[in-house]
N, C-alpha and C. Protein backbone atom coordinates (compact mmCIF):
# COMPACT_ATOMS: atom_id res chain seq x y z
N MET A 1 -0.60 -18.02 -9.24
CA MET A 1 0.59 -17.26 -8.38
C MET A 1 1.17 -18.42 -7.40
N ASN A 2 2.29 -18.18 -7.28
CA ASN A 2 3.11 -19.13 -6.16
C ASN A 2 2.74 -18.70 -4.68
N THR A 3 2.47 -19.62 -4.23
CA THR A 3 2.04 -19.22 -2.66
C THR A 3 2.86 -18.86 -1.63
N SER A 4 4.30 -19.07 -2.39
CA SER A 4 5.44 -18.48 -1.79
C SER A 4 5.51 -16.86 -1.37
N VAL A 5 4.68 -16.40 -1.97
CA VAL A 5 4.60 -14.77 -1.57
C VAL A 5 3.74 -14.49 -0.26
N ARG A 6 4.69 -14.44 0.43
CA ARG A 6 4.31 -14.23 2.05
C ARG A 6 4.87 -12.74 2.58
N GLY A 7 3.95 -12.43 3.05
CA GLY A 7 4.22 -10.98 4.13
C GLY A 7 5.48 -11.38 4.97
N LYS A 8 5.98 -10.25 5.25
CA LYS A 8 7.28 -10.05 6.46
C LYS A 8 6.77 -8.78 7.26
N SER A 9 6.53 -7.67 6.61
CA SER A 9 6.02 -6.46 7.39
C SER A 9 5.62 -5.69 6.46
N VAL A 10 4.62 -4.55 7.12
CA VAL A 10 4.00 -3.59 6.67
C VAL A 10 4.53 -2.20 6.95
N HIS A 11 4.38 -1.09 6.17
CA HIS A 11 4.85 0.04 6.42
C HIS A 11 3.91 1.05 5.33
N PHE A 12 3.77 2.20 6.11
CA PHE A 12 2.95 3.16 5.28
C PHE A 12 3.80 4.53 5.28
N ASP A 13 3.44 5.21 4.26
CA ASP A 13 3.98 6.89 4.24
C ASP A 13 2.51 7.56 3.86
N ASP A 14 2.99 8.59 3.49
CA ASP A 14 1.62 9.46 3.25
C ASP A 14 1.26 9.20 1.85
N ARG A 15 1.48 8.29 1.19
CA ARG A 15 1.08 8.19 -0.24
C ARG A 15 0.98 6.46 -0.78
N TYR A 16 1.94 6.02 0.06
CA TYR A 16 1.96 4.32 -0.22
C TYR A 16 2.08 3.22 0.80
N LEU A 17 1.54 2.10 0.32
CA LEU A 17 1.24 0.94 1.50
C LEU A 17 2.43 0.04 0.95
N HIS A 18 3.48 -0.09 1.75
CA HIS A 18 4.80 -0.91 1.37
C HIS A 18 4.51 -2.28 2.05
N VAL A 19 4.70 -3.37 1.51
CA VAL A 19 4.66 -4.63 2.19
C VAL A 19 5.99 -5.47 1.70
N GLU A 20 7.08 -5.87 2.79
CA GLU A 20 8.04 -6.32 2.67
C GLU A 20 7.69 -7.86 2.59
N LEU A 21 8.16 -8.51 1.60
CA LEU A 21 7.76 -9.79 1.39
C LEU A 21 9.18 -10.83 1.95
N GLU A 22 8.82 -12.10 2.54
CA GLU A 22 9.74 -12.76 3.20
C GLU A 22 11.27 -13.15 2.27
N ASP A 23 10.96 -13.03 0.99
CA ASP A 23 12.32 -13.04 0.01
C ASP A 23 12.99 -11.85 -0.07
N GLU A 24 12.28 -10.50 0.48
CA GLU A 24 13.10 -9.45 0.75
C GLU A 24 12.51 -8.47 -0.50
N ARG A 25 11.86 -8.72 -1.45
CA ARG A 25 11.04 -8.01 -2.14
C ARG A 25 10.05 -6.91 -1.55
N ILE A 26 9.87 -5.93 -2.02
CA ILE A 26 9.08 -4.95 -1.48
C ILE A 26 7.80 -4.48 -2.46
N ILE A 27 6.55 -4.81 -2.19
CA ILE A 27 5.44 -4.26 -3.09
C ILE A 27 4.94 -2.79 -2.45
N SER A 28 4.99 -1.98 -3.34
CA SER A 28 4.16 -0.71 -3.14
C SER A 28 3.18 -0.32 -3.86
N THR A 29 2.26 -0.13 -3.23
CA THR A 29 0.90 0.49 -3.86
C THR A 29 0.48 1.89 -3.36
N PRO A 30 -0.45 2.62 -4.07
CA PRO A 30 -0.95 3.93 -3.53
C PRO A 30 -2.13 3.56 -2.60
N ILE A 31 -1.85 4.26 -1.37
CA ILE A 31 -2.67 4.07 -0.40
C ILE A 31 -4.27 4.54 -0.70
N SER A 32 -4.02 5.29 -1.98
CA SER A 32 -5.56 5.68 -2.56
C SER A 32 -6.31 4.68 -3.04
N TRP A 33 -5.80 3.39 -3.64
CA TRP A 33 -6.46 2.30 -4.04
C TRP A 33 -7.28 1.61 -2.83
N TYR A 34 -7.07 1.97 -1.38
CA TYR A 34 -7.80 1.31 -0.45
C TYR A 34 -8.11 2.44 0.41
N LYS A 35 -9.58 2.53 0.11
CA LYS A 35 -10.25 3.72 0.60
C LYS A 35 -10.29 3.70 2.20
N GLU A 36 -10.66 2.18 2.63
CA GLU A 36 -10.58 1.96 4.01
C GLU A 36 -9.36 2.19 4.77
N LEU A 37 -8.27 2.01 4.12
CA LEU A 37 -6.99 1.92 4.88
C LEU A 37 -6.82 3.60 5.05
N GLN A 38 -7.13 4.12 3.75
CA GLN A 38 -6.79 5.88 3.76
C GLN A 38 -7.63 6.42 4.92
N SER A 39 -8.76 5.88 5.30
CA SER A 39 -9.44 6.86 6.29
C SER A 39 -9.13 6.13 7.67
N ALA A 40 -8.28 5.17 7.75
CA ALA A 40 -7.96 4.66 9.33
C ALA A 40 -6.99 5.57 9.82
N SER A 41 -6.99 5.38 11.08
CA SER A 41 -6.09 6.18 11.88
C SER A 41 -4.46 5.21 11.98
N LEU A 42 -3.55 6.01 12.24
CA LEU A 42 -2.06 5.56 12.17
C LEU A 42 -2.28 4.14 12.97
N PHE A 43 -2.76 4.50 14.20
CA PHE A 43 -2.99 3.43 15.25
C PHE A 43 -3.72 2.22 14.80
N GLN A 44 -4.65 2.23 13.98
CA GLN A 44 -5.29 1.12 13.48
C GLN A 44 -4.61 0.51 12.24
N LEU A 45 -4.02 1.18 11.42
CA LEU A 45 -2.99 0.96 10.55
C LEU A 45 -1.77 0.19 10.96
N GLY A 46 -1.38 0.46 12.14
CA GLY A 46 -0.25 -0.43 12.78
C GLY A 46 -0.57 -1.61 13.47
N LYS A 47 -1.90 -1.93 13.50
CA LYS A 47 -2.54 -3.22 14.49
C LYS A 47 -3.15 -4.20 12.95
N TYR A 48 -1.92 -4.56 12.06
CA TYR A 48 -2.26 -5.43 11.32
C TYR A 48 -1.73 -6.79 11.95
N LYS A 49 -1.92 -7.90 10.97
CA LYS A 49 -1.77 -9.25 11.14
C LYS A 49 -1.85 -10.07 10.02
N PHE A 50 -0.86 -10.86 9.70
CA PHE A 50 -0.76 -11.62 8.50
C PHE A 50 -1.78 -12.82 8.81
N ILE A 51 -2.42 -13.24 7.78
CA ILE A 51 -3.64 -14.31 7.71
C ILE A 51 -3.17 -14.95 6.65
N CYS A 52 -3.56 -16.17 6.61
CA CYS A 52 -3.59 -17.16 5.33
C CYS A 52 -2.22 -17.73 5.19
N GLN A 53 -1.78 -18.13 6.17
CA GLN A 53 -0.10 -18.59 5.96
C GLN A 53 0.69 -17.35 5.32
N GLY A 54 0.45 -16.30 5.89
CA GLY A 54 1.18 -14.90 5.46
C GLY A 54 1.16 -14.63 4.19
N THR A 55 0.17 -14.77 3.43
CA THR A 55 -0.34 -14.65 2.02
C THR A 55 -1.17 -13.20 1.97
N GLY A 56 -2.08 -13.03 3.32
CA GLY A 56 -2.89 -11.99 3.38
C GLY A 56 -2.59 -11.17 4.37
N ILE A 57 -3.33 -10.00 4.67
CA ILE A 57 -3.14 -8.86 5.72
C ILE A 57 -4.48 -8.58 6.16
N GLU A 58 -4.85 -8.66 7.63
CA GLU A 58 -5.68 -8.09 8.10
C GLU A 58 -5.94 -6.94 8.99
N TRP A 59 -6.33 -6.39 8.75
CA TRP A 59 -6.84 -4.99 10.02
C TRP A 59 -7.88 -5.19 10.80
N PRO A 60 -7.82 -5.77 12.14
CA PRO A 60 -9.01 -6.18 12.53
C PRO A 60 -9.90 -5.34 13.25
N ASP A 61 -9.32 -4.16 13.57
CA ASP A 61 -9.81 -2.78 13.94
C ASP A 61 -10.82 -2.26 13.01
N ILE A 62 -10.48 -2.36 11.89
CA ILE A 62 -11.54 -2.00 10.60
C ILE A 62 -12.06 -2.99 9.79
N ASP A 63 -11.88 -4.15 10.38
CA ASP A 63 -12.31 -5.25 9.40
C ASP A 63 -12.15 -5.33 7.98
N TYR A 64 -10.77 -5.12 7.62
CA TYR A 64 -10.26 -5.18 6.33
C TYR A 64 -9.34 -6.27 6.06
N HIS A 65 -9.25 -6.90 4.80
CA HIS A 65 -8.45 -7.76 4.45
C HIS A 65 -7.98 -7.71 2.93
N LEU A 66 -6.79 -7.75 2.73
CA LEU A 66 -6.14 -7.64 1.61
C LEU A 66 -5.17 -8.74 1.34
N SER A 67 -5.35 -9.51 0.02
CA SER A 67 -4.31 -10.29 -0.45
C SER A 67 -3.17 -9.64 -0.97
N ILE A 68 -1.95 -10.16 -0.36
CA ILE A 68 -0.88 -9.96 -0.89
C ILE A 68 -0.83 -10.20 -2.39
N GLU A 69 -1.19 -11.25 -2.86
CA GLU A 69 -0.94 -11.64 -4.53
C GLU A 69 -1.65 -10.24 -5.28
N SER A 70 -3.07 -10.11 -4.87
CA SER A 70 -3.83 -9.05 -5.56
C SER A 70 -2.91 -7.71 -5.55
N MET A 71 -2.21 -7.57 -4.53
CA MET A 71 -1.00 -6.19 -4.76
C MET A 71 -0.14 -6.55 -5.44
N LEU A 72 0.25 -7.60 -5.65
CA LEU A 72 1.22 -7.54 -6.60
C LEU A 72 0.69 -7.65 -8.15
N PHE A 73 -0.22 -8.29 -8.33
CA PHE A 73 -0.89 -8.22 -9.98
C PHE A 73 -1.32 -6.67 -9.83
N SER A 74 -1.91 -6.12 -9.02
CA SER A 74 -2.17 -4.67 -9.41
C SER A 74 -1.32 -3.82 -9.57
N SER A 75 0.22 -4.06 -8.95
CA SER A 75 1.29 -3.21 -9.26
C SER A 75 1.76 -3.49 -10.54
N VAL A 76 1.94 -4.38 -10.89
CA VAL A 76 2.20 -5.16 -12.37
C VAL A 76 1.47 -4.35 -13.38
N ALA A 77 0.17 -4.71 -13.07
CA ALA A 77 -0.84 -4.22 -14.09
C ALA A 77 -1.02 -2.62 -14.49
N GLU A 78 -0.58 -1.87 -13.13
CA GLU A 78 -0.39 -0.49 -13.27
C GLU A 78 0.77 -0.15 -14.14
N LYS A 79 2.10 -0.99 -13.77
CA LYS A 79 2.86 -0.61 -14.83
C LYS A 79 2.72 -0.44 -15.82
N ALA A 80 2.12 -1.73 -16.41
CA ALA A 80 1.98 -1.93 -17.62
C ALA A 80 1.06 -1.08 -18.53
N ALA A 81 0.41 -0.55 -17.69
CA ALA A 81 -0.93 0.56 -18.51
C ALA A 81 -0.36 1.79 -19.09
């Protein structure tokens, strides 16, 4: 995977985690895939930061890390299934 897949912003709605990439693409995956995020408060979800040169997301309050690359592969695999 190209390491240029870097996050720009993170948004949530009642069903999905949305990550906008620096190249303006948006990856959306079901929040139900991430039990730790699903059970976190809105305050905790809002306190994310990008890590690993923007290729990952960390929620320090809940000690959870997510690779943007894994989100991209998961969303592609789900569409192919």
